[in-house]
Amino acid sequence: MNLSTGEVIEGAHTLTSQSTTRITWTKAGNEPIVFTVSEVNGQWNNVKKDGEVVYEVSSEQERGTITFAKVGTERKIRMVLLKDAGESLISELTVSEFQAY
């Protein structure tokens, strides 16, 4: 869901967190966007339990935060990203499945 406009967009997205250094976001049919993590706020050691962690990130064209959270049975990813042109994207993804390594 685009929280700026309220628009709900169905689609497959994959977010992969590589430790505390990198997050890769792949939208269905698009090239992956690789974010470099500059700071981690919070600690969430067991993704099967409730928790939250916020990554401060940047890519070639965007910067902002990506939050991974679980409360009860809901798992969400919230992205607040600013583009170089001053545009902002605030979106929330509902996680349908996850893999922890």
PDB file of N, CA and C in Angstrom:
ATOM      1  N   MET A   1       0.846  -1.165   0.000  1.00  0.00           N
ATOM      2  CA  MET A   1       0.000   0.000   0.000  1.00  0.00           C
ATOM      3  C   MET A   1       0.895   1.231   0.000  1.00  0.00           C
ATOM      4  N   ASN A   2       0.547   2.171  -0.860  1.00  0.00           N
ATOM      5  CA  ASN A   2       1.226   3.460  -0.856  1.00  0.00           C
ATOM      6  C   ASN A   2       0.550   4.314   0.209  1.00  0.00           C
ATOM      7  N   LEU A   3       1.219   4.552   1.318  1.00  0.00           N
ATOM      8  CA  LEU A   3       0.605   5.278   2.426  1.00  0.00           C
ATOM      9  C   LEU A   3       0.442   6.760   2.132  1.00  0.00           C
ATOM     10  N   SER A   4       1.147   7.276   1.142  1.00  0.00           N
ATOM     11  CA  SER A   4       1.003   8.679   0.754  1.00  0.00           C
ATOM     12  C   SER A   4      -0.329   8.919   0.054  1.00  0.00           C
ATOM     13  N   THR A   5      -0.761   7.933  -0.776  1.00  0.00           N
ATOM     14  CA  THR A   5      -1.973   8.105  -1.572  1.00  0.00           C
ATOM     15  C   THR A   5      -3.117   7.195  -1.144  1.00  0.00           C
ATOM     16  N   GLY A   6      -2.823   6.146  -0.363  1.00  0.00           N
ATOM     17  CA  GLY A   6      -3.832   5.169   0.018  1.00  0.00           C
ATOM     18  C   GLY A   6      -4.059   4.106  -1.036  1.00  0.00           C
ATOM     19  N   GLU A   7      -3.324   4.167  -2.129  1.00  0.00           N
ATOM     20  CA  GLU A   7      -3.472   3.215  -3.219  1.00  0.00           C
ATOM     21  C   GLU A   7      -2.930   1.841  -2.819  1.00  0.00           C
ATOM     22  N   VAL A   8      -3.738   0.818  -3.041  1.00  0.00           N
ATOM     23  CA  VAL A   8      -3.324  -0.555  -2.775  1.00  0.00           C
ATOM     24  C   VAL A   8      -2.890  -1.175  -4.093  1.00  0.00           C
ATOM     25  N   ILE A   9      -1.680  -1.669  -4.125  1.00  0.00           N
ATOM     26  CA  ILE A   9      -1.138  -2.279  -5.337  1.00  0.00           C
ATOM     27  C   ILE A   9      -0.759  -3.720  -5.017  1.00  0.00           C
ATOM     28  N   GLU A  10      -1.370  -4.644  -5.730  1.00  0.00           N
ATOM     29  CA  GLU A  10      -1.036  -6.056  -5.555  1.00  0.00           C
ATOM     30  C   GLU A  10       0.199  -6.368  -6.390  1.00  0.00           C
ATOM     31  N   GLY A  11       1.092  -7.157  -5.854  1.00  0.00           N
ATOM     32  CA  GLY A  11       2.264  -7.548  -6.622  1.00  0.00           C
ATOM     33  C   GLY A  11       3.261  -8.263  -5.750  1.00  0.00           C
ATOM     34  N   ALA A  12       4.113  -8.992  -6.407  1.00  0.00           N
ATOM     35  CA  ALA A  12       5.136  -9.739  -5.691  1.00  0.00           C
ATOM     36  C   ALA A  12       6.383  -8.878  -5.517  1.00  0.00           C
ATOM     37  N   HIS A  13       6.850  -8.797  -4.305  1.00  0.00           N
ATOM     38  CA  HIS A  13       8.072  -8.085  -3.968  1.00  0.00           C
ATOM     39  C   HIS A  13       8.928  -9.033  -3.139  1.00  0.00           C
ATOM     40  N   THR A  14      10.228  -8.919  -3.285  1.00  0.00           N
ATOM     41  CA  THR A  14      11.142  -9.688  -2.458  1.00  0.00           C
ATOM     42  C   THR A  14      12.126  -8.730  -1.826  1.00  0.00           C
ATOM     43  N   LEU A  15      12.245  -8.778  -0.515  1.00  0.00           N
ATOM     44  CA  LEU A  15      13.261  -8.006   0.194  1.00  0.00           C
ATOM     45  C   LEU A  15      14.188  -8.989   0.877  1.00  0.00           C
ATOM     46  N   THR A  16      15.468  -8.804   0.652  1.00  0.00           N
ATOM     47  CA  THR A  16      16.476  -9.672   1.242  1.00  0.00           C
ATOM     48  C   THR A  16      17.419  -8.815   2.062  1.00  0.00           C
ATOM     49  N   SER A  17      17.527  -9.134   3.328  1.00  0.00           N
ATOM     50  CA  SER A  17      18.435  -8.421   4.223  1.00  0.00           C
ATOM     51  C   SER A  17      19.687  -9.255   4.401  1.00  0.00           C
ATOM     52  N   GLN A  18      20.825  -8.687   4.032  1.00  0.00           N
ATOM     53  CA  GLN A  18      22.100  -9.363   4.225  1.00  0.00           C
ATOM     54  C   GLN A  18      22.760  -8.781   5.473  1.00  0.00           C
ATOM     55  N   SER A  19      22.485  -9.430   6.595  1.00  0.00           N
ATOM     56  CA  SER A  19      23.017  -8.997   7.879  1.00  0.00           C
ATOM     57  C   SER A  19      22.644  -7.544   8.114  1.00  0.00           C
ATOM     58  N   THR A  20      23.585  -6.723   8.488  1.00  0.00           N
ATOM     59  CA  THR A  20      23.299  -5.307   8.748  1.00  0.00           C
ATOM     60  C   THR A  20      24.014  -4.413   7.749  1.00  0.00           C
ATOM     61  N   THR A  21      24.287  -4.939   6.557  1.00  0.00           N
ATOM     62  CA  THR A  21      25.056  -4.159   5.588  1.00  0.00           C
ATOM     63  C   THR A  21      24.293  -3.809   4.315  1.00  0.00           C
ATOM     64  N   ARG A  22      23.329  -4.638   3.916  1.00  0.00           N
ATOM     65  CA  ARG A  22      22.686  -4.434   2.626  1.00  0.00           C
ATOM     66  C   ARG A  22      21.274  -5.004   2.620  1.00  0.00           C
ATOM     67  N   ILE A  23      20.358  -4.320   1.910  1.00  0.00           N
ATOM     68  CA  ILE A  23      19.006  -4.812   1.674  1.00  0.00           C
ATOM     69  C   ILE A  23      18.748  -4.715   0.175  1.00  0.00           C
ATOM     70  N   THR A  24      18.263  -5.801  -0.409  1.00  0.00           N
ATOM     71  CA  THR A  24      17.940  -5.809  -1.825  1.00  0.00           C
ATOM     72  C   THR A  24      16.425  -5.928  -1.977  1.00  0.00           C
ATOM     73  N   TRP A  25      15.830  -4.992  -2.752  1.00  0.00           N
ATOM     74  CA  TRP A  25      14.388  -4.965  -2.986  1.00  0.00           C
ATOM     75  C   TRP A  25      14.144  -5.266  -4.452  1.00  0.00           C
ATOM     76  N   THR A  26      13.420  -6.356  -4.722  1.00  0.00           N
ATOM     77  CA  THR A  26      13.082  -6.721  -6.091  1.00  0.00           C
ATOM     78  C   THR A  26      11.569  -6.660  -6.247  1.00  0.00           C
ATOM     79  N   LYS A  27      11.111  -5.760  -7.113  1.00  0.00           N
ATOM     80  CA  LYS A  27       9.692  -5.654  -7.435  1.00  0.00           C
ATOM     81  C   LYS A  27       9.437  -6.532  -8.654  1.00  0.00           C
ATOM     82  N   ALA A  28       8.258  -7.114  -8.727  1.00  0.00           N
ATOM     83  CA  ALA A  28       7.917  -8.018  -9.825  1.00  0.00           C
ATOM     84  C   ALA A  28       8.215  -7.363 -11.174  1.00  0.00           C
ATOM     85  N   GLY A  29       9.044  -8.033 -11.973  1.00  0.00           N
ATOM     86  CA  GLY A  29       9.334  -7.561 -13.313  1.00  0.00           C
ATOM     87  C   GLY A  29      10.336  -6.424 -13.417  1.00  0.00           C
ATOM     88  N   ASN A  30      10.963  -6.034 -12.327  1.00  0.00           N
ATOM     89  CA  ASN A  30      11.905  -4.914 -12.334  1.00  0.00           C
ATOM     90  C   ASN A  30      13.292  -5.353 -11.874  1.00  0.00           C
ATOM     91  N   GLU A  31      14.264  -4.530 -12.173  1.00  0.00           N
ATOM     92  CA  GLU A  31      15.626  -4.770 -11.702  1.00  0.00           C
ATOM     93  C   GLU A  31      15.682  -4.562 -10.188  1.00  0.00           C
ATOM     94  N   PRO A  32      16.497  -5.303  -9.483  1.00  0.00           N
ATOM     95  CA  PRO A  32      16.614  -5.114  -8.029  1.00  0.00           C
ATOM     96  C   PRO A  32      17.216  -3.748  -7.680  1.00  0.00           C
ATOM     97  N   ILE A  33      16.782  -3.209  -6.556  1.00  0.00           N
ATOM     98  CA  ILE A  33      17.362  -1.990  -5.997  1.00  0.00           C
ATOM     99  C   ILE A  33      18.162  -2.422  -4.779  1.00  0.00           C
ATOM    100  N   VAL A  34      19.428  -2.071  -4.745  1.00  0.00           N
ATOM    101  CA  VAL A  34      20.297  -2.456  -3.636  1.00  0.00           C
ATOM    102  C   VAL A  34      20.501  -1.246  -2.736  1.00  0.00           C
ATOM    103  N   PHE A  35      20.173  -1.412  -1.467  1.00  0.00           N
ATOM    104  CA  PHE A  35      20.352  -0.364  -0.468  1.00  0.00           C
ATOM    105  C   PHE A  35      21.537  -0.714   0.423  1.00  0.00           C
ATOM    106  N   THR A  36      22.341   0.274   0.708  1.00  0.00           N
ATOM    107  CA  THR A  36      23.417   0.129   1.679  1.00  0.00           C
ATOM    108  C   THR A  36      22.881   0.599   3.023  1.00  0.00           C
ATOM    109  N   VAL A  37      23.098  -0.196   4.056  1.00  0.00           N
ATOM    110  CA  VAL A  37      22.630   0.145   5.400  1.00  0.00           C
ATOM    111  C   VAL A  37      23.699   0.996   6.088  1.00  0.00           C
ATOM    112  N   SER A  38      23.288   2.180   6.578  1.00  0.00           N
ATOM    113  CA  SER A  38      24.231   3.034   7.287  1.00  0.00           C
ATOM    114  C   SER A  38      24.071   2.943   8.796  1.00  0.00           C
ATOM    115  N   GLU A  39      22.869   2.567   9.244  1.00  0.00           N
ATOM    116  CA  GLU A  39      22.635   2.450  10.686  1.00  0.00           C
ATOM    117  C   GLU A  39      21.470   1.505  10.936  1.00  0.00           C
ATOM    118  N   VAL A  40      21.534   0.788  12.047  1.00  0.00           N
ATOM    119  CA  VAL A  40      20.457  -0.111  12.458  1.00  0.00           C
ATOM    120  C   VAL A  40      19.947   0.359  13.807  1.00  0.00           C
ATOM    121  N   ASN A  41      18.624   0.563  13.902  1.00  0.00           N
ATOM    122  CA  ASN A  41      18.002   0.983  15.153  1.00  0.00           C
ATOM    123  C   ASN A  41      17.123  -0.152  15.653  1.00  0.00           C
ATOM    124  N   GLY A  42      17.463  -0.668  16.806  1.00  0.00           N
ATOM    125  CA  GLY A  42      16.721  -1.783  17.379  1.00  0.00           C
ATOM    126  C   GLY A  42      17.459  -3.086  17.153  1.00  0.00           C
ATOM    127  N   GLN A  43      16.948  -4.115  17.787  1.00  0.00           N
ATOM    128  CA  GLN A  43      17.530  -5.443  17.669  1.00  0.00           C
ATOM    129  C   GLN A  43      16.390  -6.437  17.670  1.00  0.00           C
ATOM    130  N   TRP A  44      16.415  -7.357  16.720  1.00  0.00           N
ATOM    131  CA  TRP A  44      15.346  -8.341  16.598  1.00  0.00           C
ATOM    132  C   TRP A  44      16.000  -9.661  16.252  1.00  0.00           C
ATOM    133  N   ASN A  45      16.245 -10.467  17.252  1.00  0.00           N
ATOM    134  CA  ASN A  45      17.016 -11.698  17.086  1.00  0.00           C
ATOM    135  C   ASN A  45      16.213 -12.898  16.617  1.00  0.00           C
ATOM    136  N   ASN A  46      14.896 -12.889  16.833  1.00  0.00           N
ATOM    137  CA  ASN A  46      14.069 -14.035  16.469  1.00  0.00           C
ATOM    138  C   ASN A  46      12.847 -13.544  15.700  1.00  0.00           C
ATOM    139  N   VAL A  47      12.869 -13.683  14.369  1.00  0.00           N
ATOM    140  CA  VAL A  47      11.789 -13.154  13.529  1.00  0.00           C
ATOM    141  C   VAL A  47      10.471 -13.910  13.705  1.00  0.00           C
ATOM    142  N   LYS A  48      10.480 -15.009  14.437  1.00  0.00           N
ATOM    143  CA  LYS A  48       9.241 -15.724  14.717  1.00  0.00           C
ATOM    144  C   LYS A  48       8.489 -15.101  15.895  1.00  0.00           C
ATOM    145  N   LYS A  49       9.173 -14.248  16.653  1.00  0.00           N
ATOM    146  CA  LYS A  49       8.562 -13.552  17.781  1.00  0.00           C
ATOM    147  C   LYS A  49       8.320 -12.094  17.413  1.00  0.00           C
ATOM    148  N   ASP A  50       7.427 -11.433  18.155  1.00  0.00           N
ATOM    149  CA  ASP A  50       7.149 -10.019  17.913  1.00  0.00           C
ATOM    150  C   ASP A  50       8.426  -9.198  18.048  1.00  0.00           C
ATOM    151  N   GLY A  51       8.559  -8.205  17.194  1.00  0.00           N
ATOM    152  CA  GLY A  51       9.725  -7.339  17.248  1.00  0.00           C
ATOM    153  C   GLY A  51       9.756  -6.378  16.093  1.00  0.00           C
ATOM    154  N   GLU A  52      10.795  -5.551  16.081  1.00  0.00           N
ATOM    155  CA  GLU A  52      10.947  -4.536  15.040  1.00  0.00           C
ATOM    156  C   GLU A  52      12.404  -4.128  14.933  1.00  0.00           C
ATOM    157  N   VAL A  53      12.836  -3.848  13.714  1.00  0.00           N
ATOM    158  CA  VAL A  53      14.164  -3.293  13.494  1.00  0.00           C
ATOM    159  C   VAL A  53      14.047  -2.284  12.351  1.00  0.00           C
ATOM    160  N   VAL A  54      14.736  -1.155  12.494  1.00  0.00           N
ATOM    161  CA  VAL A  54      14.689  -0.083  11.501  1.00  0.00           C
ATOM    162  C   VAL A  54      16.085   0.092  10.909  1.00  0.00           C
ATOM    163  N   TYR A  55      16.156   0.015   9.588  1.00  0.00           N
ATOM    164  CA  TYR A  55      17.417   0.210   8.876  1.00  0.00           C
ATOM    165  C   TYR A  55      17.404   1.580   8.211  1.00  0.00           C
ATOM    166  N   GLU A  56      18.440   2.372   8.431  1.00  0.00           N
ATOM    167  CA  GLU A  56      18.628   3.606   7.672  1.00  0.00           C
ATOM    168  C   GLU A  56      19.426   3.222   6.444  1.00  0.00           C
ATOM    169  N   VAL A  57      18.884   3.544   5.247  1.00  0.00           N
ATOM    170  CA  VAL A  57      19.444   3.018   4.003  1.00  0.00           C
ATOM    171  C   VAL A  57      19.630   4.112   2.950  1.00  0.00           C
ATOM    172  N   SER A  58      20.435   3.768   1.951  1.00  0.00           N
ATOM    173  CA  SER A  58      20.567   4.631   0.773  1.00  0.00           C
ATOM    174  C   SER A  58      20.906   3.764  -0.431  1.00  0.00           C
ATOM    175  N   SER A  59      20.451   4.212  -1.597  1.00  0.00           N
ATOM    176  CA  SER A  59      20.788   3.569  -2.867  1.00  0.00           C
ATOM    177  C   SER A  59      21.317   4.658  -3.784  1.00  0.00           C
ATOM    178  N   GLU A  60      21.487   4.345  -5.050  1.00  0.00           N
ATOM    179  CA  GLU A  60      21.976   5.352  -5.983  1.00  0.00           C
ATOM    180  C   GLU A  60      21.001   6.516  -6.137  1.00  0.00           C
ATOM    181  N   GLN A  61      19.681   6.255  -5.953  1.00  0.00           N
ATOM    182  CA  GLN A  61      18.681   7.292  -6.200  1.00  0.00           C
ATOM    183  C   GLN A  61      17.791   7.611  -5.008  1.00  0.00           C
ATOM    184  N   GLU A  62      17.867   6.830  -3.931  1.00  0.00           N
ATOM    185  CA  GLU A  62      16.952   7.009  -2.810  1.00  0.00           C
ATOM    186  C   GLU A  62      17.678   6.874  -1.478  1.00  0.00           C
ATOM    187  N   ARG A  63      17.074   7.466  -0.451  1.00  0.00           N
ATOM    188  CA  ARG A  63      17.568   7.296   0.912  1.00  0.00           C
ATOM    189  C   ARG A  63      16.364   7.332   1.840  1.00  0.00           C
ATOM    190  N   GLY A  64      16.508   6.713   3.012  1.00  0.00           N
ATOM    191  CA  GLY A  64      15.395   6.707   3.954  1.00  0.00           C
ATOM    192  C   GLY A  64      15.505   5.577   4.941  1.00  0.00           C
ATOM    193  N   THR A  65      14.343   5.024   5.334  1.00  0.00           N
ATOM    194  CA  THR A  65      14.322   3.926   6.297  1.00  0.00           C
ATOM    195  C   THR A  65      13.475   2.771   5.768  1.00  0.00           C
ATOM    196  N   ILE A  66      13.885   1.573   6.167  1.00  0.00           N
ATOM    197  CA  ILE A  66      13.106   0.363   5.914  1.00  0.00           C
ATOM    198  C   ILE A  66      12.931  -0.323   7.260  1.00  0.00           C
ATOM    199  N   THR A  67      11.674  -0.523   7.652  1.00  0.00           N
ATOM    200  CA  THR A  67      11.352  -1.115   8.947  1.00  0.00           C
ATOM    201  C   THR A  67      10.743  -2.492   8.743  1.00  0.00           C
ATOM    202  N   PHE A  68      11.304  -3.491   9.395  1.00  0.00           N
ATOM    203  CA  PHE A  68      10.754  -4.837   9.416  1.00  0.00           C
ATOM    204  C   PHE A  68      10.095  -5.014  10.776  1.00  0.00           C
ATOM    205  N   ALA A  69       8.831  -5.488  10.804  1.00  0.00           N
ATOM    206  CA  ALA A  69       8.134  -5.614  12.086  1.00  0.00           C
ATOM    207  C   ALA A  69       7.175  -6.798  12.073  1.00  0.00           C
ATOM    208  N   LYS A  70       6.959  -7.355  13.269  1.00  0.00           N
ATOM    209  CA  LYS A  70       5.966  -8.405  13.474  1.00  0.00           C
ATOM    210  C   LYS A  70       5.238  -8.121  14.767  1.00  0.00           C
ATOM    211  N   VAL A  71       3.899  -8.106  14.678  1.00  0.00           N
ATOM    212  CA  VAL A  71       3.044  -7.970  15.851  1.00  0.00           C
ATOM    213  C   VAL A  71       1.948  -9.013  15.705  1.00  0.00           C
ATOM    214  N   GLY A  72       1.907  -9.958  16.635  1.00  0.00           N
ATOM    215  CA  GLY A  72       0.934 -11.044  16.534  1.00  0.00           C
ATOM    216  C   GLY A  72       1.191 -11.863  15.291  1.00  0.00           C
ATOM    217  N   THR A  73       0.161 -11.993  14.453  1.00  0.00           N
ATOM    218  CA  THR A  73       0.319 -12.782  13.231  1.00  0.00           C
ATOM    219  C   THR A  73       0.676 -11.919  12.019  1.00  0.00           C
ATOM    220  N   GLU A  74       0.723 -10.597  12.187  1.00  0.00           N
ATOM    221  CA  GLU A  74       1.020  -9.706  11.066  1.00  0.00           C
ATOM    222  C   GLU A  74       2.501  -9.390  10.961  1.00  0.00           C
ATOM    223  N   ARG A  75       3.016  -9.532   9.756  1.00  0.00           N
ATOM    224  CA  ARG A  75       4.395  -9.137   9.454  1.00  0.00           C
ATOM    225  C   ARG A  75       4.316  -8.045   8.399  1.00  0.00           C
ATOM    226  N   LYS A  76       4.990  -6.935   8.648  1.00  0.00           N
ATOM    227  CA  LYS A  76       4.936  -5.794   7.736  1.00  0.00           C
ATOM    228  C   LYS A  76       6.344  -5.271   7.476  1.00  0.00           C
ATOM    229  N   ILE A  77       6.490  -4.650   6.316  1.00  0.00           N
ATOM    230  CA  ILE A  77       7.700  -3.921   5.978  1.00  0.00           C
ATOM    231  C   ILE A  77       7.250  -2.526   5.566  1.00  0.00           C
ATOM    232  N   ARG A  78       7.756  -1.512   6.257  1.00  0.00           N
ATOM    233  CA  ARG A  78       7.403  -0.127   5.933  1.00  0.00           C
ATOM    234  C   ARG A  78       8.639   0.555   5.368  1.00  0.00           C
ATOM    235  N   MET A  79       8.445   1.198   4.226  1.00  0.00           N
ATOM    236  CA  MET A  79       9.547   1.901   3.579  1.00  0.00           C
ATOM    237  C   MET A  79       9.199   3.377   3.455  1.00  0.00           C
ATOM    238  N   VAL A  80      10.084   4.213   3.959  1.00  0.00           N
ATOM    239  CA  VAL A  80       9.967   5.663   3.807  1.00  0.00           C
ATOM    240  C   VAL A  80      11.214   6.091   3.052  1.00  0.00           C
ATOM    241  N   LEU A  81      11.039   6.378   1.763  1.00  0.00           N
ATOM    242  CA  LEU A  81      12.184   6.649   0.894  1.00  0.00           C
ATOM    243  C   LEU A  81      12.041   8.004   0.214  1.00  0.00           C
ATOM    244  N   LEU A  82      13.121   8.758   0.169  1.00  0.00           N
ATOM    245  CA  LEU A  82      13.172  10.042  -0.522  1.00  0.00           C
ATOM    246  C   LEU A  82      14.054   9.896  -1.741  1.00  0.00           C
ATOM    247  N   LYS A  83      13.542  10.334  -2.880  1.00  0.00           N
ATOM    248  CA  LYS A  83      14.335  10.287  -4.105  1.00  0.00           C
ATOM    249  C   LYS A  83      15.147  11.568  -4.214  1.00  0.00           C
ATOM    250  N   ASP A  84      16.198  11.521  -5.017  1.00  0.00           N
ATOM    251  CA  ASP A  84      17.049  12.690  -5.206  1.00  0.00           C
ATOM    252  C   ASP A  84      16.267  13.904  -5.700  1.00  0.00           C
ATOM    253  N   ALA A  85      15.196  13.679  -6.455  1.00  0.00           N
ATOM    254  CA  ALA A  85      14.400  14.776  -7.005  1.00  0.00           C
ATOM    255  C   ALA A  85      13.445  15.368  -5.971  1.00  0.00           C
ATOM    256  N   GLY A  86      13.479  14.876  -4.731  1.00  0.00           N
ATOM    257  CA  GLY A  86      12.624  15.411  -3.680  1.00  0.00           C
ATOM    258  C   GLY A  86      11.308  14.683  -3.516  1.00  0.00           C
ATOM    259  N   GLU A  87      11.010  13.726  -4.384  1.00  0.00           N
ATOM    260  CA  GLU A  87       9.794  12.935  -4.254  1.00  0.00           C
ATOM    261  C   GLU A  87       9.942  11.960  -3.098  1.00  0.00           C
ATOM    262  N   SER A  88       8.822  11.608  -2.482  1.00  0.00           N
ATOM    263  CA  SER A  88       8.890  10.631  -1.403  1.00  0.00           C
ATOM    264  C   SER A  88       7.983   9.447  -1.707  1.00  0.00           C
ATOM    265  N   LEU A  89       8.377   8.303  -1.201  1.00  0.00           N
ATOM    266  CA  LEU A  89       7.587   7.083  -1.305  1.00  0.00           C
ATOM    267  C   LEU A  89       7.442   6.537   0.107  1.00  0.00           C
ATOM    268  N   ILE A  90       6.202   6.439   0.556  1.00  0.00           N
ATOM    269  CA  ILE A  90       5.924   5.833   1.855  1.00  0.00           C
ATOM    270  C   ILE A  90       5.006   4.656   1.567  1.00  0.00           C
ATOM    271  N   SER A  91       5.522   3.454   1.771  1.00  0.00           N
ATOM    272  CA  SER A  91       4.715   2.283   1.458  1.00  0.00           C
ATOM    273  C   SER A  91       4.848   1.236   2.544  1.00  0.00           C
ATOM    274  N   GLU A  92       3.831   0.378   2.606  1.00  0.00           N
ATOM    275  CA  GLU A  92       3.823  -0.699   3.580  1.00  0.00           C
ATOM    276  C   GLU A  92       3.500  -1.989   2.852  1.00  0.00           C
ATOM    277  N   LEU A  93       4.348  -2.973   3.034  1.00  0.00           N
ATOM    278  CA  LEU A  93       4.162  -4.281   2.417  1.00  0.00           C
ATOM    279  C   LEU A  93       3.727  -5.282   3.476  1.00  0.00           C
ATOM    280  N   THR A  94       2.756  -6.101   3.154  1.00  0.00           N
ATOM    281  CA  THR A  94       2.344  -7.184   4.030  1.00  0.00           C
ATOM    282  C   THR A  94       3.138  -8.419   3.623  1.00  0.00           C
ATOM    283  N   VAL A  95       3.782  -9.040   4.580  1.00  0.00           N
ATOM    284  CA  VAL A  95       4.635 -10.194   4.308  1.00  0.00           C
ATOM    285  C   VAL A  95       3.773 -11.446   4.299  1.00  0.00           C
ATOM    286  N   SER A  96       3.795 -12.163   3.178  1.00  0.00           N
ATOM    287  CA  SER A  96       3.010 -13.394   3.089  1.00  0.00           C
ATOM    288  C   SER A  96       3.847 -14.616   3.456  1.00  0.00           C
ATOM    289  N   GLU A  97       5.150 -14.539   3.219  1.00  0.00           N
ATOM    290  CA  GLU A  97       6.039 -15.622   3.650  1.00  0.00           C
ATOM    291  C   GLU A  97       7.430 -15.069   3.841  1.00  0.00           C
ATOM    292  N   PHE A  98       8.207 -15.747   4.668  1.00  0.00           N
ATOM    293  CA  PHE A  98       9.570 -15.314   4.914  1.00  0.00           C
ATOM    294  C   PHE A  98      10.464 -16.533   5.137  1.00  0.00           C
ATOM    295  N   GLN A  99      11.739 -16.303   4.927  1.00  0.00           N
ATOM    296  CA  GLN A  99      12.731 -17.335   5.189  1.00  0.00           C
ATOM    297  C   GLN A  99      13.821 -16.714   6.041  1.00  0.00           C
ATOM    298  N   ALA A 100      14.195 -17.404   7.091  1.00  0.00           N
ATOM    299  CA  ALA A 100      15.266 -16.927   7.963  1.00  0.00           C
ATOM    300  C   ALA A 100      16.419 -17.923   7.864  1.00  0.00           C
ATOM    301  N   TYR A 101      17.611 -17.406   7.714  1.00  0.00           N
ATOM    302  CA  TYR A 101      18.807 -18.260   7.596  1.00  0.00           C
ATOM    303  C   TYR A 101      19.692 -18.083   8.788  1.00  0.00           C
TER     304      TYR A 101
END
